[in-house]
Amino acid sequence: MGNAASGGGGALNFVMMAVAAVFIVMLFVSGRGEKKRAAAMQDMVSSLKKDDKVVIFGGIVGTVTGFKDDTVEIKISENNKMTVLKSGIVRVLK
């Protein structure tokens, strides 16, 4: 009777180790994707130049008019300008 109980425990341990291995692989793969997205975003922001059209968080579209340290000044209409963090830029429009 003791052998039957320990045999079931071995199978359970194997299943738990397999689940843990799958979980670790999923964490590794999702981390790599996030790093790629962050690197692409950094490249996009570092390649910004004056007169580029950009979209910032909230869907606001504007034209880059200047730069300071980690901020960008964008013109959103004829008489309105905003200063936003470079990290707030979602994408550059062609």
C-alpha atoms as a PDB file:
ATOM      1  CA  MET A   1       0.000   0.000   0.000  1.00  0.00           C
ATOM      2  CA  GLY A   2       2.900   2.378   0.722  1.00  0.00           C
ATOM      3  CA  ASN A   3       4.295   1.758  -2.769  1.00  0.00           C
ATOM      4  CA  ALA A   4       1.082   2.809  -4.509  1.00  0.00           C
ATOM      5  CA  ALA A   5       1.003   6.118  -2.657  1.00  0.00           C
ATOM      6  CA  SER A   6       4.634   6.938  -3.426  1.00  0.00           C
ATOM      7  CA  GLY A   7       4.170   6.004  -7.111  1.00  0.00           C
ATOM      8  CA  GLY A   8       1.402   8.586  -7.472  1.00  0.00           C
ATOM      9  CA  GLY A   9       3.585  11.192  -5.815  1.00  0.00           C
ATOM     10  CA  GLY A  10       6.345  10.636  -8.374  1.00  0.00           C
ATOM     11  CA  ALA A  11       3.960  11.256 -11.258  1.00  0.00           C
ATOM     12  CA  LEU A  12       2.656  14.376  -9.550  1.00  0.00           C
ATOM     13  CA  ASN A  13       6.192  15.675  -9.079  1.00  0.00           C
ATOM     14  CA  PHE A  14       6.923  15.090 -12.762  1.00  0.00           C
ATOM     15  CA  VAL A  15       3.785  16.978 -13.822  1.00  0.00           C
ATOM     16  CA  MET A  16       4.628  19.874 -11.502  1.00  0.00           C
ATOM     17  CA  MET A  17       8.170  20.088 -12.895  1.00  0.00           C
ATOM     18  CA  ALA A  18       6.834  20.059 -16.457  1.00  0.00           C
ATOM     19  CA  VAL A  19       4.379  22.867 -15.672  1.00  0.00           C
ATOM     20  CA  ALA A  20       7.158  24.892 -14.024  1.00  0.00           C
ATOM     21  CA  ALA A  21       9.408  24.399 -17.073  1.00  0.00           C
ATOM     22  CA  VAL A  22       6.668  25.603 -19.442  1.00  0.00           C
ATOM     23  CA  PHE A  23       6.058  28.642 -17.213  1.00  0.00           C
ATOM     24  CA  ILE A  24       9.765  29.545 -17.206  1.00  0.00           C
ATOM     25  CA  VAL A  25       9.963  29.262 -21.007  1.00  0.00           C
ATOM     26  CA  MET A  26       6.894  31.502 -21.375  1.00  0.00           C
ATOM     27  CA  LEU A  27       8.448  34.133 -19.085  1.00  0.00           C
ATOM     28  CA  PHE A  28      11.678  34.072 -21.094  1.00  0.00           C
ATOM     29  CA  VAL A  29       9.892  34.429 -24.447  1.00  0.00           C
ATOM     30  CA  SER A  30       7.617  37.266 -23.267  1.00  0.00           C
ATOM     31  CA  GLY A  31      10.598  39.120 -21.782  1.00  0.00           C
ATOM     32  CA  ARG A  32      12.450  39.004 -25.088  1.00  0.00           C
ATOM     33  CA  GLY A  33       9.452  40.448 -26.944  1.00  0.00           C
ATOM     34  CA  GLU A  34       9.205  43.324 -24.486  1.00  0.00           C
ATOM     35  CA  LYS A  35      12.912  44.100 -24.866  1.00  0.00           C
ATOM     36  CA  LYS A  36      12.549  44.193 -28.658  1.00  0.00           C
ATOM     37  CA  ARG A  37       9.597  46.593 -28.426  1.00  0.00           C
ATOM     38  CA  ALA A  38      11.489  48.842 -26.002  1.00  0.00           C
ATOM     39  CA  ALA A  39      14.550  48.899 -28.276  1.00  0.00           C
ATOM     40  CA  ALA A  40      12.410  49.737 -31.323  1.00  0.00           C
ATOM     41  CA  MET A  41      10.710  52.552 -29.393  1.00  0.00           C
ATOM     42  CA  GLN A  42      14.098  53.933 -28.280  1.00  0.00           C
ATOM     43  CA  ASP A  43      15.362  53.880 -31.881  1.00  0.00           C
ATOM     44  CA  MET A  44      12.228  55.679 -33.080  1.00  0.00           C
ATOM     45  CA  VAL A  45      12.544  58.424 -30.467  1.00  0.00           C
ATOM     46  CA  SER A  46      16.281  58.904 -31.009  1.00  0.00           C
ATOM     47  CA  SER A  47      15.788  59.307 -34.771  1.00  0.00           C
ATOM     48  CA  LEU A  48      13.217  62.114 -34.406  1.00  0.00           C
ATOM     49  CA  LYS A  49      13.974  65.327 -36.249  1.00  0.00           C
ATOM     50  CA  LYS A  50      12.353  68.703 -36.678  1.00  0.00           C
ATOM     51  CA  ASP A  51       9.130  68.739 -38.771  1.00  0.00           C
ATOM     52  CA  ASP A  52       8.378  65.033 -38.124  1.00  0.00           C
ATOM     53  CA  LYS A  53       4.686  64.346 -37.495  1.00  0.00           C
ATOM     54  CA  VAL A  54       4.169  62.391 -34.281  1.00  0.00           C
ATOM     55  CA  VAL A  55       1.361  60.874 -32.241  1.00  0.00           C
ATOM     56  CA  ILE A  56       1.524  61.165 -28.463  1.00  0.00           C
ATOM     57  CA  PHE A  57      -0.460  59.339 -25.780  1.00  0.00           C
ATOM     58  CA  GLY A  58      -4.118  60.266 -26.028  1.00  0.00           C
ATOM     59  CA  GLY A  59      -4.024  60.310 -29.824  1.00  0.00           C
ATOM     60  CA  ILE A  60      -2.842  63.909 -30.173  1.00  0.00           C
ATOM     61  CA  VAL A  61      -1.062  64.528 -33.476  1.00  0.00           C
ATOM     62  CA  GLY A  62       1.531  67.264 -33.825  1.00  0.00           C
ATOM     63  CA  THR A  63       4.661  68.391 -35.612  1.00  0.00           C
ATOM     64  CA  VAL A  64       8.054  68.404 -33.880  1.00  0.00           C
ATOM     65  CA  THR A  65       9.387  71.961 -33.541  1.00  0.00           C
ATOM     66  CA  GLY A  66      12.233  71.552 -31.059  1.00  0.00           C
ATOM     67  CA  PHE A  67      14.099  69.410 -28.541  1.00  0.00           C
ATOM     68  CA  LYS A  68      15.373  69.796 -24.968  1.00  0.00           C
ATOM     69  CA  ASP A  69      17.082  67.047 -22.942  1.00  0.00           C
ATOM     70  CA  ASP A  70      14.350  64.405 -22.604  1.00  0.00           C
ATOM     71  CA  THR A  71      11.460  66.516 -23.940  1.00  0.00           C
ATOM     72  CA  VAL A  72      10.114  67.404 -27.368  1.00  0.00           C
ATOM     73  CA  GLU A  73       8.139  70.492 -28.310  1.00  0.00           C
ATOM     74  CA  ILE A  74       5.325  69.796 -30.729  1.00  0.00           C
ATOM     75  CA  LYS A  75       2.974  72.134 -32.542  1.00  0.00           C
ATOM     76  CA  ILE A  76      -0.579  70.806 -32.380  1.00  0.00           C
ATOM     77  CA  SER A  77      -2.337  73.683 -34.129  1.00  0.00           C
ATOM     78  CA  GLU A  78      -1.507  77.095 -35.545  1.00  0.00           C
ATOM     79  CA  ASN A  79      -1.300  78.798 -32.143  1.00  0.00           C
ATOM     80  CA  ASN A  80      -0.745  75.875 -29.763  1.00  0.00           C
ATOM     81  CA  LYS A  81       2.458  74.124 -28.791  1.00  0.00           C
ATOM     82  CA  MET A  82       3.060  71.418 -26.201  1.00  0.00           C
ATOM     83  CA  THR A  83       6.174  70.142 -24.493  1.00  0.00           C
ATOM     84  CA  VAL A  84       6.028  66.387 -23.935  1.00  0.00           C
ATOM     85  CA  LEU A  85       8.435  63.742 -22.721  1.00  0.00           C
ATOM     86  CA  LYS A  86      10.095  61.753 -25.473  1.00  0.00           C
ATOM     87  CA  SER A  87       8.699  58.633 -23.828  1.00  0.00           C
ATOM     88  CA  GLY A  88       5.180  59.999 -24.463  1.00  0.00           C
ATOM     89  CA  ILE A  89       5.560  59.678 -28.225  1.00  0.00           C
ATOM     90  CA  VAL A  90       3.662  56.657 -29.480  1.00  0.00           C
ATOM     91  CA  ARG A  91       4.696  56.714 -33.126  1.00  0.00           C
ATOM     92  CA  VAL A  92       6.038  58.799 -35.982  1.00  0.00           C
ATOM     93  CA  LEU A  93       3.767  59.388 -38.971  1.00  0.00           C
ATOM     94  CA  LYS A  94       5.176  59.237 -42.475  1.00  0.00           C
END
